[in-house]
């Protein structure tokens, strides 16, 4: 607020300027509803859980043993370790056994779903076993079959817990659920099937494959 005052005194004119002043006022405006305004609020309670990591190991190697052939066929080892053959192939025994996949640790031990994959089967050509004397020759594992186990269930297969991992497409993976009370370590017995064309050299054959478990 600014005020100017003019005084006339005996012919002399004097202007007095009053100091400017600014006044800040605040006012309370009552709520017409008789209550203070409220801010809407949503409260969240996030949770998290760390579970035991997956630990897989080779419990026992899968061995197909000896066989003779005079044409195309298959040699098989069952989940129980029995050797058999089909087609123009004759099983001869000697140094054959089922494989064992060992779960030393599963996530929290129970109640978790894992996807089990045979990596090399996913290529579509199967698992190659090449000749130990002539590496240009090869025979092929086209299927792995896993035994039923009371400590797991196969997702989408009902009560039959036997499952296979086949070469090609999505068939080389399978979801498994560890049931409540699953005992660790858990040993899964599995067998396999080898396909021969009947033209391969007489020699030893060997190969390698990986089985991977991941959270679904």
Protein backbone atom coordinates (compact mmCIF):
# COMPACT_ATOMS: atom_id res chain seq x y z
CA UNK A 1 0.00 0.00 0.00
CA UNK A 2 1.46 3.37 -1.03
CA UNK A 3 0.38 6.78 0.38
CA UNK A 4 1.37 10.25 -0.89
CA UNK A 5 0.81 13.42 1.17
CA UNK A 6 1.16 16.99 -0.19
CA UNK A 7 1.73 19.82 2.30
CA UNK A 8 1.72 23.46 1.31
CA UNK A 9 3.73 25.59 3.74
CA UNK A 10 4.37 29.35 3.13
CA UNK A 11 5.01 28.82 -0.60
CA UNK A 12 7.19 25.82 -0.20
CA UNK A 13 5.92 22.43 -1.34
CA UNK A 14 7.03 19.29 0.35
CA UNK A 15 6.13 15.75 -0.79
CA UNK A 16 6.23 13.06 1.84
CA UNK A 17 6.24 9.48 0.61
CA UNK A 18 5.15 6.87 3.03
CA UNK A 19 6.93 3.51 2.88
CA UNK A 20 5.27 0.82 0.78
CA UNK A 21 4.00 -2.19 2.69
CA UNK A 22 2.83 -5.56 1.43
CA UNK A 23 0.49 -7.58 3.58
CA UNK A 24 0.02 -11.33 2.99
CA UNK A 25 -3.23 -12.73 4.23
CA UNK A 26 -4.26 -16.36 4.55
CA UNK A 27 -7.80 -17.47 4.90
CA UNK A 28 -9.38 -20.72 6.13
CA UNK A 29 -12.22 -21.83 3.92
CA UNK A 30 -14.45 -24.29 5.75
CA UNK A 31 -15.41 -27.61 4.08
CA UNK A 32 -19.04 -27.28 3.09
CA UNK A 33 -19.56 -30.90 4.15
CA UNK A 34 -18.22 -30.20 7.62
CA UNK A 35 -15.15 -32.51 7.30
CA UNK A 36 -11.53 -32.21 6.17
CA UNK A 37 -10.71 -33.34 2.62
CA UNK A 38 -9.30 -36.95 2.34
CA UNK A 39 -6.65 -38.44 -0.03
CA UNK A 40 -7.54 -41.90 -1.52
CA UNK A 41 -4.83 -44.47 -0.68
CA UNK A 42 -4.08 -48.07 -1.81
CA UNK A 43 -1.69 -50.05 0.41
CA UNK A 44 0.34 -53.00 -0.99
CA UNK A 45 2.20 -55.77 0.85
CA UNK A 46 4.70 -57.36 -1.59
CA UNK A 47 6.31 -60.72 -0.74
CA UNK A 48 9.18 -62.80 -2.14
CA UNK A 49 10.71 -66.21 -1.49
CA UNK A 50 14.12 -67.60 -2.31
CA UNK A 51 14.11 -71.34 -2.94
CA UNK A 52 16.90 -73.89 -3.17
CA UNK A 53 18.62 -73.95 -6.53
CA UNK A 54 18.42 -76.95 -8.86
CA UNK A 55 21.36 -79.35 -8.76
CA UNK A 56 21.56 -82.14 -11.36
CA UNK A 57 24.23 -84.80 -11.58
CA UNK A 58 24.90 -88.00 -13.50
CA UNK A 59 23.91 -90.86 -11.25
CA UNK A 60 24.72 -93.55 -13.81
CA UNK A 61 25.73 -93.49 -17.48
CA UNK A 62 23.38 -94.88 -20.14
CA UNK A 63 25.09 -97.81 -21.93
CA UNK A 64 23.60 -99.73 -24.88
CA UNK A 65 25.98 -102.70 -24.90
CA UNK A 66 26.82 -104.86 -27.89
CA UNK A 67 24.64 -105.77 -30.85
CA UNK A 68 24.95 -107.22 -34.34
CA UNK A 69 23.07 -106.06 -37.45
CA UNK A 70 22.41 -107.12 -41.03
CA UNK A 71 20.14 -104.20 -41.83
CA UNK A 72 18.26 -101.27 -40.30
CA UNK A 73 16.79 -101.52 -36.81
CA UNK A 74 16.93 -100.32 -33.23
CA UNK A 75 18.67 -101.28 -30.00
CA UNK A 76 16.91 -100.38 -26.76
CA UNK A 77 17.72 -100.23 -23.06
CA UNK A 78 14.71 -100.00 -20.73
CA UNK A 79 14.33 -97.83 -17.62
CA UNK A 80 15.06 -101.00 -15.61
CA UNK A 81 18.25 -101.71 -17.58
CA UNK A 82 17.09 -104.51 -19.89
CA UNK A 83 18.53 -104.68 -23.43
CA UNK A 84 16.36 -105.54 -26.47
CA UNK A 85 16.31 -105.02 -30.24
CA UNK A 86 13.98 -104.59 -33.20
CA UNK A 87 14.31 -104.95 -36.96
CA UNK A 88 17.48 -106.40 -38.44
CA UNK A 89 19.40 -105.98 -35.18
CA UNK A 90 20.30 -108.63 -32.59
CA UNK A 91 21.03 -107.64 -28.98
CA UNK A 92 24.16 -109.36 -27.64
CA UNK A 93 24.30 -107.99 -24.10
CA UNK A 94 27.63 -107.10 -22.48
CA UNK A 95 28.12 -103.76 -20.74
CA UNK A 96 24.61 -102.30 -20.96
CA UNK A 97 22.70 -100.42 -18.26
CA UNK A 98 20.00 -97.79 -17.76
CA UNK A 99 20.94 -94.20 -17.01
CA UNK A 100 20.17 -92.38 -13.75
CA UNK A 101 19.50 -88.65 -13.48
CA UNK A 102 20.16 -87.49 -9.92
CA UNK A 103 18.43 -84.45 -8.41
CA UNK A 104 20.64 -83.56 -5.44
CA UNK A 105 18.53 -80.47 -4.83
CA UNK A 106 15.18 -79.31 -6.14
CA UNK A 107 13.60 -75.90 -5.53
CA UNK A 108 12.29 -76.03 -1.96
CA UNK A 109 12.25 -79.83 -2.33
CA UNK A 110 8.61 -80.03 -3.35
CA UNK A 111 5.70 -78.32 -5.00
CA UNK A 112 7.66 -76.71 -7.85
CA UNK A 113 7.27 -77.32 -11.56
CA UNK A 114 10.38 -77.84 -13.68
CA UNK A 115 10.87 -78.24 -17.40
CA UNK A 116 13.18 -81.15 -18.18
CA UNK A 117 14.95 -80.90 -21.53
CA UNK A 118 17.31 -83.13 -23.50
CA UNK A 119 19.23 -80.42 -25.32
CA UNK A 120 20.69 -82.42 -28.21
CA UNK A 121 17.35 -84.12 -28.93
CA UNK A 122 15.99 -80.65 -29.67
CA UNK A 123 18.11 -80.37 -32.81
CA UNK A 124 15.72 -82.70 -34.63
CA UNK A 125 18.48 -85.09 -35.66
CA UNK A 126 18.78 -86.79 -32.30
CA UNK A 127 21.86 -87.49 -30.20
CA UNK A 128 24.77 -88.55 -32.38
CA UNK A 129 27.21 -91.24 -31.28
CA UNK A 130 30.21 -91.29 -33.61
CA UNK A 131 32.66 -94.09 -34.33
CA UNK A 132 35.75 -94.32 -32.17
CA UNK A 133 37.84 -95.51 -35.17
CA UNK A 134 35.97 -93.80 -37.99
CA UNK A 135 34.29 -90.58 -36.88
CA UNK A 136 32.44 -90.21 -40.19
CA UNK A 137 30.19 -93.07 -39.08
CA UNK A 138 27.41 -92.42 -36.56
CA UNK A 139 24.40 -94.03 -34.91
CA UNK A 140 21.62 -92.00 -33.31
CA UNK A 141 19.78 -91.90 -29.97
CA UNK A 142 16.26 -90.76 -30.87
CA UNK A 143 14.41 -91.24 -27.58
CA UNK A 144 14.97 -91.19 -23.82
CA UNK A 145 12.31 -92.81 -21.62
CA UNK A 146 12.03 -91.96 -17.91
CA UNK A 147 10.55 -94.25 -15.29
CA UNK A 148 7.60 -93.42 -13.07
CA UNK A 149 8.46 -92.02 -9.66
CA UNK A 150 6.26 -91.43 -6.62
CA UNK A 151 8.00 -88.13 -5.85
CA UNK A 152 7.01 -86.39 -9.08
CA UNK A 153 4.08 -86.05 -11.43
CA UNK A 154 4.21 -85.27 -15.12
CA UNK A 155 2.20 -82.16 -15.89
CA UNK A 156 -0.70 -82.89 -18.23
CA UNK A 157 -0.19 -86.67 -18.24
CA UNK A 158 -2.44 -87.60 -15.33
CA UNK A 159 -1.33 -90.37 -12.97
CA UNK A 160 1.14 -92.02 -15.36
CA UNK A 161 4.51 -90.55 -14.43
CA UNK A 162 6.47 -92.33 -17.16
CA UNK A 163 7.48 -89.92 -19.91
CA UNK A 164 9.69 -89.77 -22.98
CA UNK A 165 11.88 -87.10 -24.54
CA UNK A 166 11.89 -87.58 -28.32
CA UNK A 167 14.01 -86.01 -31.04
CA UNK A 168 12.53 -83.07 -32.92
CA UNK A 169 10.02 -80.35 -32.14
CA UNK A 170 8.71 -79.68 -28.64
CA UNK A 171 8.82 -83.37 -27.70
CA UNK A 172 12.32 -83.05 -26.28
CA UNK A 173 10.95 -81.18 -23.23
CA UNK A 174 8.58 -82.24 -20.46
CA UNK A 175 7.18 -80.42 -17.43
CA UNK A 176 7.43 -82.30 -14.15
CA UNK A 177 6.04 -81.33 -10.74
CA UNK A 178 7.79 -82.30 -7.52
CA UNK A 179 5.05 -83.44 -5.16
CA UNK A 180 4.81 -82.42 -1.52
CA UNK A 181 7.18 -84.46 0.59
CA UNK A 182 9.55 -85.27 -2.26
CA UNK A 183 12.72 -86.87 -0.95
CA UNK A 184 16.07 -85.46 -2.01
CA UNK A 185 18.25 -86.77 -3.56
CA UNK A 186 15.83 -88.08 -6.17
CA UNK A 187 17.10 -90.62 -8.71
CA UNK A 188 15.25 -90.85 -12.03
CA UNK A 189 15.94 -94.05 -14.00
CA UNK A 190 15.84 -93.72 -17.77
CA UNK A 191 16.47 -95.80 -20.86
CA UNK A 192 16.90 -95.00 -24.53
CA UNK A 193 16.57 -96.06 -28.14
CA UNK A 194 19.34 -96.12 -30.77
CA UNK A 195 18.55 -96.22 -34.49
CA UNK A 196 20.97 -97.79 -36.99
CA UNK A 197 20.82 -97.82 -40.78
CA UNK A 198 22.59 -101.14 -41.07
CA UNK A 199 25.49 -99.74 -43.08
CA UNK A 200 27.64 -98.49 -40.19
CA UNK A 201 31.14 -99.83 -39.53
CA UNK A 202 31.81 -102.46 -36.89
CA UNK A 203 33.44 -100.38 -34.13
CA UNK A 204 32.68 -98.68 -30.84
CA UNK A 205 30.42 -95.59 -30.82
CA UNK A 206 30.21 -92.84 -28.23
CA UNK A 207 28.58 -89.45 -27.80
CA UNK A 208 27.35 -86.93 -25.26
CA UNK A 209 24.12 -85.16 -24.35
CA UNK A 210 22.90 -82.73 -21.70
CA UNK A 211 19.74 -82.89 -19.62
CA UNK A 212 18.70 -79.49 -18.27
CA UNK A 213 16.08 -78.63 -15.66
CA UNK A 214 14.64 -75.11 -15.49
CA UNK A 215 11.80 -73.40 -13.64
CA UNK A 216 8.53 -73.21 -15.52
